[in-house]
Amino acid sequence: MCIVIDANIFSSIAYEGASAHSELKPLLKWISFGRGKVVYGGTKYGEEIAKHSKFGQWLKELEKKRKVVHIDDTRIDSTMDYLMNNVSGPDYDDHHILAIVFVSGCKLVCSSDKGLHSLVHVCYEPRLKTLIKKNFKNFIKDFSMVKDIWNKSGSVVIRRFKSNKTGKNNCFYY
């Protein structure tokens, strides 16, 4: 199973001294030693990785272990452009993360960005979901129901997606 990691979590993962690092240890263990993989793609996500060299190094280590899934940048970028042109809001600046979710069929997103969580809710409203699915039927693998996983401090850190096809939860709890 794959997870998309938002840039606002990069430092918490890469630096052991970061305040949220201990909260993310089970996630790191699941990725490094379990069945978890990091999925990424797109020009904007690549730029975000380039700004966080330590996170980029961690991804390269994972790549050697075959724990990374790279989705074609062109597919992510065109889906992101569509989302940016059709979904706007004051806190919506993570269309690229949602594009990765839609194109890859990934069921997990790790983020502390409330704007991203709001954006996911908007994009999973039936009318918009149908439009996105119709316009990108060759790119998008699955659409899902959304559920949040909360951390100790009360903020959402992982958004879990429940598959419409199987009805099963495809997620990692910590």
N, C-alpha and C. Protein backbone atom coordinates (compact mmCIF):
# COMPACT_ATOMS: atom_id res chain seq x y z
N MET A 1 0.83 -1.18 0.00
CA MET A 1 0.00 0.00 0.00
C MET A 1 0.88 1.24 0.00
N CYS A 2 0.38 2.26 -0.66
CA CYS A 2 1.15 3.51 -0.82
C CYS A 2 0.57 4.65 0.02
N ILE A 3 1.43 5.64 0.23
CA ILE A 3 1.04 6.85 0.94
C ILE A 3 1.66 8.05 0.22
N VAL A 4 0.92 9.14 0.15
CA VAL A 4 1.45 10.41 -0.35
C VAL A 4 1.80 11.26 0.86
N ILE A 5 3.00 11.80 0.88
CA ILE A 5 3.45 12.62 2.01
C ILE A 5 3.54 14.07 1.56
N ASP A 6 2.80 14.93 2.21
CA ASP A 6 2.80 16.36 1.89
C ASP A 6 4.11 16.99 2.37
N ALA A 7 4.50 18.06 1.70
CA ALA A 7 5.76 18.75 2.01
C ALA A 7 5.81 19.26 3.45
N ASN A 8 4.66 19.58 4.05
CA ASN A 8 4.69 20.09 5.42
C ASN A 8 5.06 19.02 6.43
N ILE A 9 5.19 17.79 6.00
CA ILE A 9 5.59 16.68 6.86
C ILE A 9 7.05 16.29 6.61
N PHE A 10 7.64 16.75 5.52
CA PHE A 10 9.01 16.36 5.14
C PHE A 10 10.00 16.51 6.29
N SER A 11 10.02 17.68 6.92
CA SER A 11 10.97 17.94 7.99
C SER A 11 10.74 17.02 9.19
N SER A 12 9.49 16.78 9.51
CA SER A 12 9.18 15.90 10.64
C SER A 12 9.66 14.48 10.39
N ILE A 13 9.67 14.07 9.15
CA ILE A 13 10.15 12.73 8.80
C ILE A 13 11.67 12.70 8.75
N ALA A 14 12.25 13.70 8.12
CA ALA A 14 13.69 13.68 7.85
C ALA A 14 14.56 13.99 9.07
N TYR A 15 14.07 14.79 10.00
CA TYR A 15 14.89 15.21 11.13
C TYR A 15 14.38 14.58 12.43
N GLU A 16 15.20 13.76 13.03
CA GLU A 16 14.80 13.07 14.26
C GLU A 16 14.49 14.03 15.39
N GLY A 17 15.07 15.23 15.38
CA GLY A 17 14.82 16.22 16.42
C GLY A 17 13.53 16.99 16.25
N ALA A 18 12.85 16.81 15.13
CA ALA A 18 11.59 17.53 14.89
C ALA A 18 10.53 17.09 15.90
N SER A 19 9.70 18.03 16.31
CA SER A 19 8.71 17.76 17.37
C SER A 19 7.75 16.63 17.01
N ALA A 20 7.36 16.52 15.75
CA ALA A 20 6.38 15.50 15.35
C ALA A 20 7.03 14.19 14.91
N HIS A 21 8.36 14.13 14.94
CA HIS A 21 9.05 12.94 14.44
C HIS A 21 8.63 11.68 15.21
N SER A 22 8.52 11.77 16.51
CA SER A 22 8.17 10.58 17.30
C SER A 22 6.76 10.09 16.96
N GLU A 23 5.84 11.02 16.65
CA GLU A 23 4.48 10.63 16.25
C GLU A 23 4.48 9.88 14.93
N LEU A 24 5.47 10.17 14.08
CA LEU A 24 5.53 9.56 12.75
C LEU A 24 6.38 8.29 12.71
N LYS A 25 7.00 7.92 13.82
CA LYS A 25 7.86 6.73 13.82
C LYS A 25 7.14 5.46 13.35
N PRO A 26 5.91 5.20 13.79
CA PRO A 26 5.23 4.00 13.27
C PRO A 26 5.04 4.05 11.75
N LEU A 27 4.78 5.24 11.23
CA LEU A 27 4.64 5.40 9.78
C LEU A 27 5.98 5.11 9.09
N LEU A 28 7.05 5.66 9.64
CA LEU A 28 8.38 5.43 9.06
C LEU A 28 8.74 3.95 9.10
N LYS A 29 8.42 3.29 10.19
CA LYS A 29 8.70 1.86 10.33
C LYS A 29 7.90 1.06 9.30
N TRP A 30 6.62 1.42 9.14
CA TRP A 30 5.76 0.75 8.18
C TRP A 30 6.32 0.90 6.76
N ILE A 31 6.80 2.10 6.42
CA ILE A 31 7.36 2.31 5.09
C ILE A 31 8.71 1.60 4.95
N SER A 32 9.60 1.79 5.91
CA SER A 32 10.96 1.25 5.80
C SER A 32 11.02 -0.27 5.90
N PHE A 33 10.21 -0.85 6.77
CA PHE A 33 10.34 -2.29 7.04
C PHE A 33 9.08 -3.10 6.74
N GLY A 34 7.98 -2.42 6.52
CA GLY A 34 6.71 -3.10 6.26
C GLY A 34 6.35 -3.08 4.80
N ARG A 35 5.05 -3.07 4.55
CA ARG A 35 4.55 -3.12 3.18
C ARG A 35 4.27 -1.74 2.59
N GLY A 36 4.58 -0.69 3.32
CA GLY A 36 4.29 0.67 2.86
C GLY A 36 5.27 1.14 1.79
N LYS A 37 4.76 1.99 0.91
CA LYS A 37 5.57 2.63 -0.13
C LYS A 37 5.13 4.09 -0.23
N VAL A 38 6.06 4.94 -0.64
CA VAL A 38 5.76 6.35 -0.86
C VAL A 38 5.49 6.54 -2.34
N VAL A 39 4.36 7.16 -2.65
CA VAL A 39 4.03 7.45 -4.04
C VAL A 39 4.18 8.94 -4.26
N TYR A 40 4.76 9.31 -5.40
CA TYR A 40 4.93 10.72 -5.72
C TYR A 40 5.00 10.91 -7.23
N GLY A 41 4.95 12.15 -7.65
CA GLY A 41 5.06 12.48 -9.06
C GLY A 41 4.65 13.91 -9.30
N GLY A 42 4.92 14.38 -10.47
CA GLY A 42 4.56 15.73 -10.85
C GLY A 42 5.69 16.72 -10.65
N THR A 43 5.66 17.76 -11.44
CA THR A 43 6.70 18.79 -11.40
C THR A 43 6.73 19.51 -10.06
N LYS A 44 5.57 19.92 -9.55
CA LYS A 44 5.53 20.68 -8.30
C LYS A 44 6.03 19.84 -7.12
N TYR A 45 5.65 18.58 -7.06
CA TYR A 45 6.12 17.72 -5.98
C TYR A 45 7.63 17.55 -6.07
N GLY A 46 8.14 17.40 -7.28
CA GLY A 46 9.59 17.31 -7.48
C GLY A 46 10.31 18.56 -6.98
N GLU A 47 9.71 19.73 -7.22
CA GLU A 47 10.30 20.98 -6.73
C GLU A 47 10.30 21.02 -5.20
N GLU A 48 9.23 20.52 -4.59
CA GLU A 48 9.17 20.49 -3.13
C GLU A 48 10.22 19.55 -2.55
N ILE A 49 10.43 18.41 -3.19
CA ILE A 49 11.47 17.48 -2.74
C ILE A 49 12.84 18.14 -2.85
N ALA A 50 13.07 18.88 -3.94
CA ALA A 50 14.36 19.53 -4.16
C ALA A 50 14.67 20.55 -3.05
N LYS A 51 13.65 21.15 -2.46
CA LYS A 51 13.85 22.13 -1.38
C LYS A 51 14.20 21.46 -0.05
N HIS A 52 13.94 20.17 0.07
CA HIS A 52 14.18 19.42 1.32
C HIS A 52 15.14 18.29 1.02
N SER A 53 16.43 18.60 0.99
CA SER A 53 17.43 17.63 0.56
C SER A 53 17.45 16.37 1.44
N LYS A 54 17.25 16.53 2.72
CA LYS A 54 17.28 15.37 3.62
C LYS A 54 16.11 14.41 3.31
N PHE A 55 14.95 14.95 3.03
CA PHE A 55 13.82 14.12 2.65
C PHE A 55 14.11 13.44 1.30
N GLY A 56 14.71 14.19 0.38
CA GLY A 56 15.10 13.62 -0.91
C GLY A 56 16.07 12.46 -0.75
N GLN A 57 17.01 12.59 0.17
CA GLN A 57 17.95 11.50 0.45
C GLN A 57 17.21 10.28 0.99
N TRP A 58 16.24 10.53 1.87
CA TRP A 58 15.46 9.43 2.43
C TRP A 58 14.69 8.71 1.31
N LEU A 59 14.12 9.47 0.38
CA LEU A 59 13.42 8.86 -0.75
C LEU A 59 14.36 8.03 -1.61
N LYS A 60 15.59 8.51 -1.81
CA LYS A 60 16.57 7.74 -2.59
C LYS A 60 16.92 6.43 -1.90
N GLU A 61 17.03 6.46 -0.58
CA GLU A 61 17.27 5.22 0.17
C GLU A 61 16.09 4.26 -0.01
N LEU A 62 14.88 4.80 0.06
CA LEU A 62 13.70 3.98 -0.12
C LEU A 62 13.63 3.41 -1.54
N GLU A 63 14.07 4.19 -2.49
CA GLU A 63 14.06 3.74 -3.88
C GLU A 63 14.95 2.51 -4.06
N LYS A 64 16.08 2.51 -3.39
CA LYS A 64 16.97 1.35 -3.45
C LYS A 64 16.30 0.10 -2.89
N LYS A 65 15.40 0.30 -1.92
CA LYS A 65 14.68 -0.82 -1.30
C LYS A 65 13.38 -1.15 -2.04
N ARG A 66 13.13 -0.43 -3.14
CA ARG A 66 11.90 -0.59 -3.92
C ARG A 66 10.66 -0.22 -3.10
N LYS A 67 10.78 0.87 -2.35
CA LYS A 67 9.70 1.34 -1.48
C LYS A 67 9.13 2.67 -1.97
N VAL A 68 9.38 2.99 -3.24
CA VAL A 68 8.92 4.25 -3.83
C VAL A 68 8.22 3.94 -5.15
N VAL A 69 7.11 4.63 -5.38
CA VAL A 69 6.39 4.51 -6.64
C VAL A 69 6.34 5.89 -7.26
N HIS A 70 6.96 6.06 -8.42
CA HIS A 70 6.93 7.34 -9.12
C HIS A 70 5.88 7.28 -10.22
N ILE A 71 4.94 8.22 -10.18
CA ILE A 71 3.89 8.32 -11.18
C ILE A 71 4.34 9.34 -12.23
N ASP A 72 4.05 9.05 -13.48
CA ASP A 72 4.45 9.91 -14.59
C ASP A 72 4.09 11.38 -14.32
N ASP A 73 5.09 12.25 -14.42
CA ASP A 73 4.91 13.68 -14.14
C ASP A 73 3.84 14.32 -15.02
N THR A 74 3.79 13.93 -16.29
CA THR A 74 2.83 14.52 -17.22
C THR A 74 1.40 14.24 -16.79
N ARG A 75 1.14 13.04 -16.35
CA ARG A 75 -0.21 12.68 -15.91
C ARG A 75 -0.59 13.46 -14.66
N ILE A 76 0.34 13.59 -13.72
CA ILE A 76 0.07 14.35 -12.49
C ILE A 76 -0.14 15.82 -12.83
N ASP A 77 0.74 16.38 -13.66
CA ASP A 77 0.66 17.81 -13.99
C ASP A 77 -0.65 18.15 -14.70
N SER A 78 -1.09 17.32 -15.64
CA SER A 78 -2.33 17.65 -16.35
C SER A 78 -3.55 17.51 -15.43
N THR A 79 -3.54 16.52 -14.54
CA THR A 79 -4.63 16.38 -13.57
C THR A 79 -4.63 17.57 -12.61
N MET A 80 -3.45 17.97 -12.17
CA MET A 80 -3.32 19.12 -11.27
C MET A 80 -3.85 20.39 -11.95
N ASP A 81 -3.49 20.59 -13.21
CA ASP A 81 -3.97 21.77 -13.95
C ASP A 81 -5.49 21.78 -14.01
N TYR A 82 -6.07 20.63 -14.29
CA TYR A 82 -7.53 20.54 -14.35
C TYR A 82 -8.13 20.92 -12.99
N LEU A 83 -7.58 20.36 -11.92
CA LEU A 83 -8.09 20.66 -10.58
C LEU A 83 -7.93 22.14 -10.25
N MET A 84 -6.80 22.72 -10.59
CA MET A 84 -6.56 24.14 -10.30
C MET A 84 -7.54 25.04 -11.05
N ASN A 85 -7.90 24.64 -12.26
CA ASN A 85 -8.83 25.45 -13.06
C ASN A 85 -10.28 25.28 -12.63
N ASN A 86 -10.58 24.20 -11.91
CA ASN A 86 -11.97 23.92 -11.57
C ASN A 86 -12.28 23.95 -10.08
N VAL A 87 -11.26 23.98 -9.25
CA VAL A 87 -11.47 24.01 -7.80
C VAL A 87 -10.55 25.07 -7.22
N SER A 88 -11.16 26.11 -6.64
CA SER A 88 -10.33 27.16 -6.04
C SER A 88 -10.88 27.54 -4.68
N GLY A 89 -9.99 28.00 -3.86
CA GLY A 89 -10.36 28.44 -2.52
C GLY A 89 -9.16 29.10 -1.88
N PRO A 90 -9.35 29.86 -0.84
CA PRO A 90 -8.25 30.61 -0.24
C PRO A 90 -7.13 29.75 0.33
N ASP A 91 -7.46 28.54 0.80
CA ASP A 91 -6.44 27.68 1.40
C ASP A 91 -6.06 26.50 0.51
N TYR A 92 -6.47 26.51 -0.74
CA TYR A 92 -6.24 25.38 -1.63
C TYR A 92 -4.95 25.59 -2.43
N ASP A 93 -3.86 25.05 -1.92
CA ASP A 93 -2.59 25.18 -2.63
C ASP A 93 -1.91 23.83 -2.84
N ASP A 94 -2.65 22.74 -2.64
CA ASP A 94 -2.08 21.41 -2.77
C ASP A 94 -2.80 20.56 -3.81
N HIS A 95 -3.15 21.15 -4.92
CA HIS A 95 -3.82 20.41 -5.99
C HIS A 95 -2.94 19.26 -6.49
N HIS A 96 -1.63 19.45 -6.42
CA HIS A 96 -0.70 18.40 -6.89
C HIS A 96 -0.80 17.15 -6.01
N ILE A 97 -1.04 17.31 -4.73
CA ILE A 97 -1.18 16.15 -3.84
C ILE A 97 -2.45 15.38 -4.22
N LEU A 98 -3.53 16.09 -4.42
CA LEU A 98 -4.78 15.45 -4.81
C LEU A 98 -4.65 14.79 -6.18
N ALA A 99 -3.91 15.41 -7.08
CA ALA A 99 -3.68 14.81 -8.41
C ALA A 99 -2.95 13.47 -8.26
N ILE A 100 -1.97 13.40 -7.36
CA ILE A 100 -1.26 12.15 -7.13
C ILE A 100 -2.22 11.09 -6.60
N VAL A 101 -3.10 11.49 -5.68
CA VAL A 101 -4.09 10.56 -5.13
C VAL A 101 -4.99 10.04 -6.24
N PHE A 102 -5.54 10.93 -7.05
CA PHE A 102 -6.46 10.53 -8.11
C PHE A 102 -5.79 9.63 -9.14
N VAL A 103 -4.62 10.02 -9.60
CA VAL A 103 -3.95 9.28 -10.68
C VAL A 103 -3.43 7.93 -10.19
N SER A 104 -2.87 7.90 -9.00
CA SER A 104 -2.26 6.66 -8.50
C SER A 104 -3.26 5.69 -7.88
N GLY A 105 -4.39 6.21 -7.40
CA GLY A 105 -5.33 5.38 -6.67
C GLY A 105 -4.89 5.16 -5.23
N CYS A 106 -3.93 5.93 -4.79
CA CYS A 106 -3.40 5.84 -3.43
C CYS A 106 -4.50 6.11 -2.41
N LYS A 107 -4.43 5.42 -1.29
CA LYS A 107 -5.48 5.54 -0.28
C LYS A 107 -5.09 6.35 0.94
N LEU A 108 -3.83 6.74 1.05
CA LEU A 108 -3.38 7.47 2.24
C LEU A 108 -2.68 8.76 1.87
N VAL A 109 -2.94 9.79 2.67
CA VAL A 109 -2.25 11.07 2.55
C VAL A 109 -1.82 11.48 3.95
N CYS A 110 -0.56 11.83 4.10
CA CYS A 110 -0.05 12.30 5.38
C CYS A 110 0.23 13.80 5.25
N SER A 111 -0.52 14.59 6.01
CA SER A 111 -0.41 16.04 5.92
C SER A 111 -0.96 16.68 7.19
N SER A 112 -0.43 17.84 7.52
CA SER A 112 -1.01 18.61 8.62
C SER A 112 -1.69 19.87 8.10
N ASP A 113 -1.88 19.95 6.80
CA ASP A 113 -2.46 21.11 6.13
C ASP A 113 -3.98 21.00 6.10
N LYS A 114 -4.66 21.86 6.86
CA LYS A 114 -6.11 21.83 6.89
C LYS A 114 -6.72 22.23 5.55
N GLY A 115 -6.03 23.07 4.81
CA GLY A 115 -6.51 23.44 3.47
C GLY A 115 -6.56 22.24 2.55
N LEU A 116 -5.56 21.35 2.66
CA LEU A 116 -5.55 20.14 1.84
C LEU A 116 -6.72 19.24 2.21
N HIS A 117 -6.98 19.11 3.50
CA HIS A 117 -8.09 18.27 3.93
C HIS A 117 -9.42 18.82 3.43
N SER A 118 -9.56 20.12 3.46
CA SER A 118 -10.76 20.77 2.94
C SER A 118 -10.87 20.55 1.43
N LEU A 119 -9.76 20.68 0.72
CA LEU A 119 -9.72 20.47 -0.73
C LEU A 119 -10.15 19.05 -1.08
N VAL A 120 -9.69 18.07 -0.32
CA VAL A 120 -10.08 16.68 -0.56
C VAL A 120 -11.59 16.53 -0.41
N HIS A 121 -12.15 17.11 0.65
CA HIS A 121 -13.60 17.03 0.85
C HIS A 121 -14.35 17.63 -0.34
N VAL A 122 -13.91 18.77 -0.83
CA VAL A 122 -14.57 19.43 -1.95
C VAL A 122 -14.49 18.55 -3.20
N CYS A 123 -13.32 18.00 -3.48
CA CYS A 123 -13.14 17.20 -4.69
C CYS A 123 -13.87 15.86 -4.64
N TYR A 124 -14.21 15.42 -3.46
CA TYR A 124 -14.94 14.16 -3.35
C TYR A 124 -16.45 14.37 -3.24
N GLU A 125 -16.91 15.60 -3.41
CA GLU A 125 -18.34 15.83 -3.51
C GLU A 125 -18.81 15.19 -4.82
N PRO A 126 -19.99 14.60 -4.83
CA PRO A 126 -20.42 13.81 -5.99
C PRO A 126 -20.32 14.51 -7.35
N ARG A 127 -20.75 15.76 -7.43
CA ARG A 127 -20.75 16.44 -8.73
C ARG A 127 -19.34 16.62 -9.27
N LEU A 128 -18.45 17.11 -8.43
CA LEU A 128 -17.08 17.35 -8.88
C LEU A 128 -16.34 16.04 -9.11
N LYS A 129 -16.58 15.07 -8.26
CA LYS A 129 -15.95 13.76 -8.42
C LYS A 129 -16.31 13.16 -9.78
N THR A 130 -17.58 13.29 -10.17
CA THR A 130 -18.04 12.78 -11.46
C THR A 130 -17.34 13.50 -12.61
N LEU A 131 -17.22 14.83 -12.50
CA LEU A 131 -16.53 15.59 -13.55
C LEU A 131 -15.06 15.18 -13.67
N ILE A 132 -14.39 15.04 -12.54
CA ILE A 132 -12.97 14.67 -12.56
C ILE A 132 -12.82 13.28 -13.16
N LYS A 133 -13.66 12.37 -12.72
CA LYS A 133 -13.59 10.99 -13.20
C LYS A 133 -13.84 10.94 -14.71
N LYS A 134 -14.82 11.72 -15.19
CA LYS A 134 -15.16 11.76 -16.61
C LYS A 134 -14.00 12.32 -17.44
N ASN A 135 -13.38 13.39 -16.96
CA ASN A 135 -12.32 14.04 -17.72
C ASN A 135 -11.00 13.29 -17.67
N PHE A 136 -10.79 12.49 -16.64
CA PHE A 136 -9.52 11.79 -16.50
C PHE A 136 -9.71 10.29 -16.29
N LYS A 137 -10.68 9.72 -17.02
CA LYS A 137 -10.97 8.30 -16.81
C LYS A 137 -9.78 7.40 -17.14
N ASN A 138 -8.88 7.83 -18.01
CA ASN A 138 -7.70 7.03 -18.33
C ASN A 138 -6.61 7.15 -17.26
N PHE A 139 -6.67 8.20 -16.45
CA PHE A 139 -5.64 8.43 -15.45
C PHE A 139 -6.01 7.88 -14.07
N ILE A 140 -7.27 8.00 -13.73
CA ILE A 140 -7.69 7.78 -12.34
C ILE A 140 -8.10 6.33 -12.14
N LYS A 141 -7.53 5.70 -11.10
CA LYS A 141 -7.79 4.29 -10.84
C LYS A 141 -9.02 4.05 -9.98
N ASP A 142 -9.26 4.87 -8.98
CA ASP A 142 -10.32 4.58 -8.03
C ASP A 142 -10.75 5.85 -7.32
N PHE A 143 -12.01 5.91 -6.96
CA PHE A 143 -12.50 6.99 -6.12
C PHE A 143 -12.98 6.40 -4.82
N SER A 144 -12.87 7.16 -3.77
CA SER A 144 -13.08 6.60 -2.45
C SER A 144 -13.81 7.55 -1.53
N MET A 145 -14.26 7.02 -0.41
CA MET A 145 -14.83 7.82 0.66
C MET A 145 -13.68 8.26 1.56
N VAL A 146 -13.85 9.37 2.22
CA VAL A 146 -12.76 9.96 2.99
C VAL A 146 -13.04 9.83 4.49
N LYS A 147 -12.01 9.54 5.23
CA LYS A 147 -12.10 9.52 6.69
C LYS A 147 -10.78 10.02 7.25
N ASP A 148 -10.85 10.78 8.32
CA ASP A 148 -9.65 11.35 8.92
C ASP A 148 -9.11 10.48 10.04
N ILE A 149 -7.81 10.54 10.21
CA ILE A 149 -7.16 9.94 11.37
C ILE A 149 -6.50 11.10 12.11
N TRP A 150 -6.79 11.22 13.39
CA TRP A 150 -6.35 12.34 14.19
C TRP A 150 -5.13 11.97 15.02
N ASN A 151 -4.25 12.92 15.26
CA ASN A 151 -3.11 12.67 16.14
C ASN A 151 -3.45 13.16 17.55
N LYS A 152 -2.49 13.01 18.45
CA LYS A 152 -2.72 13.35 19.86
C LYS A 152 -3.06 14.82 20.07
N SER A 153 -2.52 15.70 19.22
CA SER A 153 -2.77 17.13 19.41
C SER A 153 -4.09 17.58 18.79
N GLY A 154 -4.81 16.65 18.16
CA GLY A 154 -6.13 16.99 17.65
C GLY A 154 -6.16 17.48 16.22
N SER A 155 -5.04 17.39 15.50
CA SER A 155 -5.07 17.80 14.10
C SER A 155 -4.99 16.56 13.21
N VAL A 156 -5.58 16.65 12.04
CA VAL A 156 -5.60 15.52 11.12
C VAL A 156 -4.20 15.36 10.54
N VAL A 157 -3.66 14.17 10.61
CA VAL A 157 -2.36 13.93 9.99
C VAL A 157 -2.43 12.92 8.86
N ILE A 158 -3.39 12.05 8.90
CA ILE A 158 -3.53 11.10 7.79
C ILE A 158 -4.97 11.08 7.36
N ARG A 159 -5.17 11.19 6.09
CA ARG A 159 -6.50 11.08 5.54
C ARG A 159 -6.60 9.67 4.96
N ARG A 160 -7.59 8.94 5.40
CA ARG A 160 -7.76 7.56 4.96
C ARG A 160 -8.87 7.52 3.93
N PHE A 161 -8.70 6.70 2.91
CA PHE A 161 -9.68 6.57 1.86
C PHE A 161 -10.26 5.16 1.89
N LYS A 162 -11.57 5.04 1.83
CA LYS A 162 -12.23 3.75 1.82
C LYS A 162 -12.64 3.45 0.39
N SER A 163 -12.23 2.33 -0.11
CA SER A 163 -12.47 1.98 -1.50
C SER A 163 -13.95 1.76 -1.78
N ASN A 164 -14.45 2.37 -2.85
CA ASN A 164 -15.82 2.13 -3.28
C ASN A 164 -15.97 0.75 -3.89
N LYS A 165 -14.91 0.26 -4.52
CA LYS A 165 -14.98 -1.01 -5.23
C LYS A 165 -15.07 -2.19 -4.27
N THR A 166 -14.24 -2.20 -3.27
CA THR A 166 -14.19 -3.36 -2.37
C THR A 166 -14.95 -3.14 -1.09
N GLY A 167 -15.16 -1.88 -0.71
CA GLY A 167 -15.81 -1.57 0.56
C GLY A 167 -14.89 -1.77 1.75
N LYS A 168 -13.65 -2.16 1.49
CA LYS A 168 -12.69 -2.39 2.57
C LYS A 168 -11.88 -1.13 2.83
N ASN A 169 -11.41 -1.01 4.07
CA ASN A 169 -10.52 0.09 4.41
C ASN A 169 -9.11 -0.25 3.96
N ASN A 170 -8.53 0.59 3.18
CA ASN A 170 -7.15 0.42 2.75
C ASN A 170 -6.33 1.48 3.42
N CYS A 171 -5.86 1.19 4.61
CA CYS A 171 -5.19 2.23 5.36
C CYS A 171 -4.20 1.64 6.35
N PHE A 172 -3.40 2.49 6.89
CA PHE A 172 -2.45 2.13 7.93
C PHE A 172 -2.78 2.98 9.13
N TYR A 173 -3.01 2.37 10.26
CA TYR A 173 -3.31 3.09 11.49
C TYR A 173 -2.07 3.24 12.32
N TYR A 174 -1.94 4.36 12.98
CA TYR A 174 -0.90 4.48 14.01
C TYR A 174 -1.41 5.34 15.13
